[in-house]
Amino acid sequence: MDNDYLKLENQLCFPIYAASRLITRAYQPFLENLKITYPQYLVLLVLWEKDEISVNDIANKLILNTNTITPLLKRMEEQRLICRERSKSDERKVIVKLTKKGLHLKEEAKTIPEEIAETIKGVELEIDHYVQLKHNLNLIIAQLSNK
């Protein structure tokens, strides 16, 4: 039996995993300035796009379980970045809203994407290759999320 399939260099998962970790590490100095973690940044990105949404909606967008996101939201509430309250129309739903502090962070964070782009600028890929890479990764995510 040929074990080439089991070589690390032949695995799709490893470059995705390594790139994810390294990209997250690149974000770290910018997020430390804002006193937030990368997962908190992702939650804020969701809320900056659409405020006042349910915990389930945030979890779905970030492909996380609610038992993973609830402690994260609790810490964000303690930092006064968000507030959580029961939905008036459906008591079972918890709605998450940005506070003034959470809204203010958007202004402070607006240069982060440019800074990250600058960090990987040395990689010789045309913009349409980045777009295609993102598209292909989204196809993989969609396929794996359906299972």
N, C-alpha and C. Protein backbone atom coordinates (compact mmCIF):
# COMPACT_ATOMS: atom_id res chain seq x y z
N MET A 1 0.85 -1.20 0.00
CA MET A 1 0.00 0.00 0.00
C MET A 1 0.88 1.24 0.00
N ASP A 2 0.55 2.15 -0.87
CA ASP A 2 1.32 3.38 -1.01
C ASP A 2 0.81 4.40 0.01
N ASN A 3 1.68 4.90 0.85
CA ASN A 3 1.28 5.84 1.90
C ASN A 3 1.53 7.29 1.53
N ASP A 4 1.69 7.60 0.24
CA ASP A 4 1.90 8.99 -0.17
C ASP A 4 0.73 9.88 0.27
N TYR A 5 -0.46 9.32 0.35
CA TYR A 5 -1.62 10.10 0.77
C TYR A 5 -1.48 10.55 2.22
N LEU A 6 -0.67 9.84 2.97
CA LEU A 6 -0.51 10.16 4.38
C LEU A 6 0.69 11.05 4.67
N LYS A 7 1.37 11.51 3.66
CA LYS A 7 2.47 12.44 3.87
C LYS A 7 1.89 13.83 4.15
N LEU A 8 2.48 14.50 5.11
CA LEU A 8 2.01 15.84 5.48
C LEU A 8 2.00 16.77 4.27
N GLU A 9 3.02 16.70 3.45
CA GLU A 9 3.13 17.59 2.28
C GLU A 9 2.01 17.37 1.26
N ASN A 10 1.32 16.24 1.33
CA ASN A 10 0.23 15.95 0.39
C ASN A 10 -1.15 16.25 0.95
N GLN A 11 -1.21 16.77 2.15
CA GLN A 11 -2.48 17.06 2.80
C GLN A 11 -2.95 18.48 2.50
N LEU A 12 -4.21 18.61 2.13
CA LEU A 12 -4.81 19.93 1.94
C LEU A 12 -5.00 20.63 3.28
N CYS A 13 -5.33 19.84 4.31
CA CYS A 13 -5.65 20.42 5.61
C CYS A 13 -4.47 21.18 6.22
N PHE A 14 -3.24 20.69 6.01
CA PHE A 14 -2.12 21.33 6.69
C PHE A 14 -1.84 22.75 6.21
N PRO A 15 -1.75 23.02 4.91
CA PRO A 15 -1.51 24.42 4.52
C PRO A 15 -2.65 25.36 4.94
N ILE A 16 -3.88 24.84 4.95
CA ILE A 16 -5.00 25.67 5.40
C ILE A 16 -4.85 25.96 6.89
N TYR A 17 -4.53 24.93 7.67
CA TYR A 17 -4.32 25.08 9.11
C TYR A 17 -3.17 26.04 9.39
N ALA A 18 -2.04 25.84 8.71
CA ALA A 18 -0.86 26.67 8.95
C ALA A 18 -1.14 28.12 8.54
N ALA A 19 -1.77 28.32 7.39
CA ALA A 19 -2.09 29.68 6.95
C ALA A 19 -3.03 30.36 7.94
N SER A 20 -4.01 29.63 8.43
CA SER A 20 -4.96 30.19 9.40
C SER A 20 -4.24 30.63 10.66
N ARG A 21 -3.38 29.79 11.19
CA ARG A 21 -2.64 30.14 12.40
C ARG A 21 -1.73 31.35 12.17
N LEU A 22 -1.05 31.38 11.04
CA LEU A 22 -0.12 32.48 10.76
C LEU A 22 -0.87 33.79 10.49
N ILE A 23 -1.99 33.71 9.82
CA ILE A 23 -2.79 34.91 9.60
C ILE A 23 -3.33 35.44 10.93
N THR A 24 -3.82 34.52 11.77
CA THR A 24 -4.30 34.92 13.09
C THR A 24 -3.18 35.58 13.88
N ARG A 25 -1.97 35.03 13.79
CA ARG A 25 -0.82 35.62 14.48
C ARG A 25 -0.51 37.03 13.94
N ALA A 26 -0.69 37.22 12.63
CA ALA A 26 -0.46 38.54 12.04
C ALA A 26 -1.44 39.58 12.58
N TYR A 27 -2.66 39.15 12.90
CA TYR A 27 -3.66 40.05 13.46
C TYR A 27 -3.36 40.44 14.90
N GLN A 28 -2.64 39.59 15.59
CA GLN A 28 -2.47 39.73 17.04
C GLN A 28 -2.01 41.11 17.51
N PRO A 29 -0.96 41.69 16.93
CA PRO A 29 -0.54 43.01 17.44
C PRO A 29 -1.60 44.09 17.30
N PHE A 30 -2.35 44.05 16.22
CA PHE A 30 -3.40 45.05 15.99
C PHE A 30 -4.54 44.85 16.99
N LEU A 31 -4.88 43.61 17.25
CA LEU A 31 -5.98 43.32 18.17
C LEU A 31 -5.57 43.57 19.62
N GLU A 32 -4.30 43.33 19.93
CA GLU A 32 -3.82 43.64 21.29
C GLU A 32 -3.98 45.12 21.58
N ASN A 33 -3.74 45.97 20.58
CA ASN A 33 -3.94 47.41 20.75
C ASN A 33 -5.39 47.74 21.09
N LEU A 34 -6.31 46.93 20.57
CA LEU A 34 -7.74 47.14 20.84
C LEU A 34 -8.20 46.39 22.09
N LYS A 35 -7.29 45.59 22.65
CA LYS A 35 -7.58 44.78 23.84
C LYS A 35 -8.68 43.75 23.58
N ILE A 36 -8.62 43.13 22.39
CA ILE A 36 -9.56 42.07 22.04
C ILE A 36 -8.79 40.90 21.44
N THR A 37 -9.45 39.74 21.45
CA THR A 37 -8.88 38.54 20.85
C THR A 37 -9.39 38.39 19.42
N TYR A 38 -8.78 37.47 18.68
CA TYR A 38 -9.23 37.23 17.31
C TYR A 38 -10.69 36.77 17.26
N PRO A 39 -11.10 35.80 18.10
CA PRO A 39 -12.53 35.43 18.07
C PRO A 39 -13.46 36.61 18.40
N GLN A 40 -13.05 37.48 19.32
CA GLN A 40 -13.85 38.67 19.63
C GLN A 40 -13.92 39.59 18.41
N TYR A 41 -12.82 39.72 17.69
CA TYR A 41 -12.79 40.52 16.47
C TYR A 41 -13.80 39.98 15.46
N LEU A 42 -13.85 38.66 15.32
CA LEU A 42 -14.81 38.06 14.38
C LEU A 42 -16.25 38.37 14.77
N VAL A 43 -16.55 38.30 16.07
CA VAL A 43 -17.89 38.65 16.54
C VAL A 43 -18.18 40.12 16.23
N LEU A 44 -17.22 40.98 16.48
CA LEU A 44 -17.41 42.40 16.19
C LEU A 44 -17.63 42.63 14.69
N LEU A 45 -16.90 41.93 13.85
CA LEU A 45 -17.11 42.06 12.40
C LEU A 45 -18.55 41.74 12.03
N VAL A 46 -19.09 40.69 12.62
CA VAL A 46 -20.48 40.30 12.37
C VAL A 46 -21.41 41.42 12.82
N LEU A 47 -21.18 41.94 14.02
CA LEU A 47 -22.07 42.97 14.58
C LEU A 47 -21.90 44.32 13.89
N TRP A 48 -20.71 44.64 13.44
CA TRP A 48 -20.52 45.90 12.69
C TRP A 48 -21.27 45.85 11.36
N GLU A 49 -21.41 44.65 10.84
CA GLU A 49 -22.15 44.48 9.59
C GLU A 49 -23.66 44.57 9.83
N LYS A 50 -24.11 43.93 10.91
CA LYS A 50 -25.54 43.96 11.26
C LYS A 50 -25.66 43.85 12.77
N ASP A 51 -26.03 44.93 13.40
CA ASP A 51 -26.17 44.98 14.85
C ASP A 51 -27.52 44.40 15.26
N GLU A 52 -27.61 44.05 16.53
CA GLU A 52 -28.84 43.53 17.13
C GLU A 52 -29.30 42.25 16.44
N ILE A 53 -28.48 41.22 16.58
CA ILE A 53 -28.85 39.92 16.04
C ILE A 53 -28.74 38.86 17.15
N SER A 54 -29.32 37.72 16.89
CA SER A 54 -29.37 36.69 17.91
C SER A 54 -28.02 35.97 18.06
N VAL A 55 -27.84 35.37 19.22
CA VAL A 55 -26.66 34.56 19.48
C VAL A 55 -26.55 33.46 18.42
N ASN A 56 -27.69 32.84 18.09
CA ASN A 56 -27.68 31.78 17.08
C ASN A 56 -27.23 32.29 15.72
N ASP A 57 -27.65 33.49 15.35
CA ASP A 57 -27.23 34.06 14.06
C ASP A 57 -25.72 34.30 14.04
N ILE A 58 -25.18 34.80 15.14
CA ILE A 58 -23.72 35.01 15.23
C ILE A 58 -23.00 33.66 15.13
N ALA A 59 -23.48 32.70 15.89
CA ALA A 59 -22.86 31.36 15.88
C ALA A 59 -22.89 30.76 14.48
N ASN A 60 -24.01 30.91 13.79
CA ASN A 60 -24.11 30.38 12.42
C ASN A 60 -23.15 31.06 11.46
N LYS A 61 -23.06 32.38 11.55
CA LYS A 61 -22.15 33.11 10.66
C LYS A 61 -20.70 32.71 10.89
N LEU A 62 -20.35 32.45 12.14
CA LEU A 62 -18.96 32.12 12.48
C LEU A 62 -18.71 30.61 12.50
N ILE A 63 -19.73 29.85 12.17
CA ILE A 63 -19.65 28.38 12.15
C ILE A 63 -19.14 27.86 13.50
N LEU A 64 -19.80 28.32 14.55
CA LEU A 64 -19.49 27.91 15.91
C LEU A 64 -20.74 27.39 16.59
N ASN A 65 -20.56 26.56 17.59
CA ASN A 65 -21.69 26.11 18.41
C ASN A 65 -22.01 27.21 19.42
N THR A 66 -23.27 27.27 19.83
CA THR A 66 -23.65 28.30 20.80
C THR A 66 -22.92 28.11 22.13
N ASN A 67 -22.60 26.85 22.49
CA ASN A 67 -21.88 26.66 23.75
C ASN A 67 -20.43 27.13 23.65
N THR A 68 -19.94 27.35 22.45
CA THR A 68 -18.61 27.93 22.25
C THR A 68 -18.68 29.45 22.29
N ILE A 69 -19.72 29.99 21.69
CA ILE A 69 -19.81 31.44 21.56
C ILE A 69 -20.33 32.12 22.82
N THR A 70 -21.12 31.43 23.62
CA THR A 70 -21.69 32.05 24.82
C THR A 70 -20.63 32.56 25.79
N PRO A 71 -19.60 31.79 26.14
CA PRO A 71 -18.57 32.34 27.04
C PRO A 71 -17.81 33.52 26.41
N LEU A 72 -17.63 33.46 25.11
CA LEU A 72 -16.98 34.55 24.39
C LEU A 72 -17.80 35.83 24.50
N LEU A 73 -19.10 35.70 24.29
CA LEU A 73 -19.99 36.86 24.41
C LEU A 73 -20.04 37.38 25.84
N LYS A 74 -19.99 36.48 26.80
CA LYS A 74 -19.99 36.89 28.20
C LYS A 74 -18.77 37.76 28.50
N ARG A 75 -17.59 37.34 28.01
CA ARG A 75 -16.38 38.14 28.22
C ARG A 75 -16.48 39.50 27.52
N MET A 76 -17.07 39.50 26.33
CA MET A 76 -17.24 40.76 25.61
C MET A 76 -18.20 41.69 26.33
N GLU A 77 -19.20 41.12 26.97
CA GLU A 77 -20.13 41.93 27.75
C GLU A 77 -19.43 42.50 28.98
N GLU A 78 -18.58 41.70 29.62
CA GLU A 78 -17.80 42.19 30.76
C GLU A 78 -16.87 43.33 30.36
N GLN A 79 -16.39 43.30 29.11
CA GLN A 79 -15.54 44.38 28.60
C GLN A 79 -16.35 45.57 28.12
N ARG A 80 -17.66 45.46 28.21
CA ARG A 80 -18.60 46.50 27.78
C ARG A 80 -18.55 46.78 26.27
N LEU A 81 -18.28 45.73 25.49
CA LEU A 81 -18.28 45.85 24.03
C LEU A 81 -19.66 45.56 23.45
N ILE A 82 -20.40 44.71 24.14
CA ILE A 82 -21.74 44.31 23.70
C ILE A 82 -22.66 44.25 24.91
N CYS A 83 -23.94 44.15 24.64
CA CYS A 83 -24.90 43.80 25.69
C CYS A 83 -25.82 42.72 25.11
N ARG A 84 -26.29 41.88 25.99
CA ARG A 84 -27.19 40.79 25.60
C ARG A 84 -28.51 40.98 26.32
N GLU A 85 -29.59 40.74 25.61
CA GLU A 85 -30.91 40.82 26.24
C GLU A 85 -31.86 39.86 25.54
N ARG A 86 -32.84 39.41 26.28
CA ARG A 86 -33.86 38.51 25.73
C ARG A 86 -34.69 39.25 24.69
N SER A 87 -35.03 38.56 23.64
CA SER A 87 -35.89 39.12 22.60
C SER A 87 -37.28 39.37 23.18
N LYS A 88 -37.85 40.49 22.83
CA LYS A 88 -39.20 40.80 23.30
C LYS A 88 -40.24 39.95 22.58
N SER A 89 -39.94 39.57 21.34
CA SER A 89 -40.89 38.78 20.56
C SER A 89 -40.75 37.27 20.78
N ASP A 90 -39.57 36.84 21.25
CA ASP A 90 -39.35 35.40 21.48
C ASP A 90 -38.37 35.24 22.64
N GLU A 91 -38.90 34.93 23.80
CA GLU A 91 -38.10 34.83 25.04
C GLU A 91 -36.94 33.85 24.94
N ARG A 92 -37.04 32.89 23.99
CA ARG A 92 -35.98 31.89 23.85
C ARG A 92 -34.73 32.46 23.20
N LYS A 93 -34.87 33.57 22.49
CA LYS A 93 -33.74 34.17 21.77
C LYS A 93 -33.05 35.22 22.62
N VAL A 94 -31.72 35.23 22.52
CA VAL A 94 -30.92 36.29 23.14
C VAL A 94 -30.37 37.15 22.02
N ILE A 95 -30.63 38.44 22.12
CA ILE A 95 -30.18 39.40 21.11
C ILE A 95 -28.90 40.07 21.60
N VAL A 96 -27.94 40.20 20.70
CA VAL A 96 -26.66 40.83 21.01
C VAL A 96 -26.61 42.17 20.30
N LYS A 97 -26.26 43.20 21.08
CA LYS A 97 -26.15 44.57 20.54
C LYS A 97 -24.81 45.16 20.91
N LEU A 98 -24.30 45.98 20.02
CA LEU A 98 -23.06 46.71 20.31
C LEU A 98 -23.34 47.83 21.30
N THR A 99 -22.38 48.08 22.16
CA THR A 99 -22.42 49.25 23.03
C THR A 99 -21.71 50.39 22.30
N LYS A 100 -21.70 51.56 22.92
CA LYS A 100 -20.95 52.68 22.33
C LYS A 100 -19.47 52.31 22.19
N LYS A 101 -18.94 51.64 23.19
CA LYS A 101 -17.53 51.22 23.14
C LYS A 101 -17.30 50.24 21.97
N GLY A 102 -18.22 49.30 21.78
CA GLY A 102 -18.12 48.35 20.67
C GLY A 102 -18.20 49.04 19.32
N LEU A 103 -19.09 50.01 19.22
CA LEU A 103 -19.20 50.80 17.98
C LEU A 103 -17.94 51.62 17.74
N HIS A 104 -17.39 52.19 18.80
CA HIS A 104 -16.18 53.00 18.68
C HIS A 104 -14.99 52.19 18.18
N LEU A 105 -14.92 50.92 18.58
CA LEU A 105 -13.82 50.07 18.14
C LEU A 105 -13.78 49.90 16.63
N LYS A 106 -14.94 50.01 15.98
CA LYS A 106 -14.99 49.89 14.52
C LYS A 106 -14.09 50.94 13.88
N GLU A 107 -14.16 52.14 14.40
CA GLU A 107 -13.33 53.23 13.87
C GLU A 107 -11.85 52.92 14.08
N GLU A 108 -11.51 52.39 15.25
CA GLU A 108 -10.12 52.06 15.55
C GLU A 108 -9.62 50.87 14.74
N ALA A 109 -10.53 49.98 14.35
CA ALA A 109 -10.15 48.75 13.66
C ALA A 109 -10.15 48.88 12.14
N LYS A 110 -10.61 50.01 11.63
CA LYS A 110 -10.82 50.09 10.18
C LYS A 110 -9.55 49.94 9.35
N THR A 111 -8.39 50.17 9.92
CA THR A 111 -7.15 50.02 9.15
C THR A 111 -6.57 48.60 9.20
N ILE A 112 -7.14 47.74 10.02
CA ILE A 112 -6.58 46.39 10.18
C ILE A 112 -6.52 45.62 8.86
N PRO A 113 -7.59 45.59 8.05
CA PRO A 113 -7.49 44.85 6.78
C PRO A 113 -6.34 45.35 5.88
N GLU A 114 -6.14 46.65 5.84
CA GLU A 114 -5.04 47.21 5.05
C GLU A 114 -3.69 46.78 5.63
N GLU A 115 -3.59 46.79 6.95
CA GLU A 115 -2.35 46.38 7.61
C GLU A 115 -2.04 44.91 7.31
N ILE A 116 -3.05 44.07 7.35
CA ILE A 116 -2.85 42.65 7.06
C ILE A 116 -2.46 42.47 5.59
N ALA A 117 -3.12 43.20 4.70
CA ALA A 117 -2.78 43.13 3.28
C ALA A 117 -1.32 43.54 3.06
N GLU A 118 -0.89 44.55 3.80
CA GLU A 118 0.50 45.00 3.71
C GLU A 118 1.46 43.90 4.19
N THR A 119 1.05 43.16 5.21
CA THR A 119 1.86 42.09 5.76
C THR A 119 2.12 40.98 4.73
N ILE A 120 1.10 40.67 3.92
CA ILE A 120 1.27 39.59 2.94
C ILE A 120 1.54 40.11 1.53
N LYS A 121 1.84 41.39 1.42
CA LYS A 121 2.07 42.01 0.12
C LYS A 121 3.22 41.36 -0.65
N GLY A 122 4.21 40.84 0.03
CA GLY A 122 5.35 40.23 -0.63
C GLY A 122 5.03 38.96 -1.39
N VAL A 123 3.87 38.36 -1.11
CA VAL A 123 3.47 37.15 -1.83
C VAL A 123 3.06 37.57 -3.23
N GLU A 124 3.67 36.95 -4.22
CA GLU A 124 3.43 37.37 -5.60
C GLU A 124 2.20 36.70 -6.19
N LEU A 125 1.04 37.14 -5.72
CA LEU A 125 -0.24 36.69 -6.26
C LEU A 125 -1.00 37.92 -6.74
N GLU A 126 -1.60 37.79 -7.89
CA GLU A 126 -2.45 38.86 -8.39
C GLU A 126 -3.73 38.90 -7.57
N ILE A 127 -4.40 40.03 -7.55
CA ILE A 127 -5.61 40.19 -6.77
C ILE A 127 -6.66 39.15 -7.15
N ASP A 128 -6.76 38.81 -8.45
CA ASP A 128 -7.77 37.83 -8.84
C ASP A 128 -7.43 36.43 -8.32
N HIS A 129 -6.15 36.15 -8.04
CA HIS A 129 -5.79 34.88 -7.42
C HIS A 129 -6.27 34.84 -5.96
N TYR A 130 -6.16 35.95 -5.25
CA TYR A 130 -6.69 36.03 -3.89
C TYR A 130 -8.21 35.85 -3.90
N VAL A 131 -8.87 36.49 -4.86
CA VAL A 131 -10.32 36.38 -4.98
C VAL A 131 -10.70 34.92 -5.26
N GLN A 132 -9.96 34.26 -6.16
CA GLN A 132 -10.24 32.86 -6.48
C GLN A 132 -9.96 31.96 -5.29
N LEU A 133 -8.89 32.23 -4.55
CA LEU A 133 -8.57 31.45 -3.36
C LEU A 133 -9.71 31.57 -2.34
N LYS A 134 -10.16 32.79 -2.09
CA LYS A 134 -11.25 33.01 -1.15
C LYS A 134 -12.51 32.29 -1.62
N HIS A 135 -12.80 32.38 -2.90
CA HIS A 135 -13.97 31.70 -3.47
C HIS A 135 -13.87 30.18 -3.25
N ASN A 136 -12.70 29.61 -3.55
CA ASN A 136 -12.52 28.17 -3.39
C ASN A 136 -12.62 27.75 -1.93
N LEU A 137 -12.06 28.53 -1.03
CA LEU A 137 -12.18 28.22 0.39
C LEU A 137 -13.64 28.29 0.84
N ASN A 138 -14.38 29.27 0.34
CA ASN A 138 -15.80 29.37 0.67
C ASN A 138 -16.58 28.17 0.16
N LEU A 139 -16.21 27.63 -1.00
CA LEU A 139 -16.86 26.42 -1.52
C LEU A 139 -16.60 25.24 -0.59
N ILE A 140 -15.35 25.11 -0.13
CA ILE A 140 -14.99 24.03 0.80
C ILE A 140 -15.76 24.19 2.12
N ILE A 141 -15.80 25.41 2.63
CA ILE A 141 -16.52 25.67 3.89
C ILE A 141 -17.99 25.33 3.73
N ALA A 142 -18.59 25.75 2.63
CA ALA A 142 -20.01 25.46 2.41
C ALA A 142 -20.26 23.96 2.34
N GLN A 143 -19.40 23.24 1.64
CA GLN A 143 -19.57 21.79 1.54
C GLN A 143 -19.44 21.12 2.90
N LEU A 144 -18.41 21.49 3.65
CA LEU A 144 -18.19 20.85 4.94
C LEU A 144 -19.21 21.28 5.99
N SER A 145 -19.77 22.46 5.85
CA SER A 145 -20.79 22.95 6.80
C SER A 145 -22.10 22.23 6.64
N ASN A 146 -22.35 21.68 5.48
CA ASN A 146 -23.61 20.98 5.22
C ASN A 146 -23.65 19.58 5.78
N LYS A 147 -22.55 19.12 6.33
CA LYS A 147 -22.49 17.74 6.84
C LYS A 147 -22.60 17.69 8.32
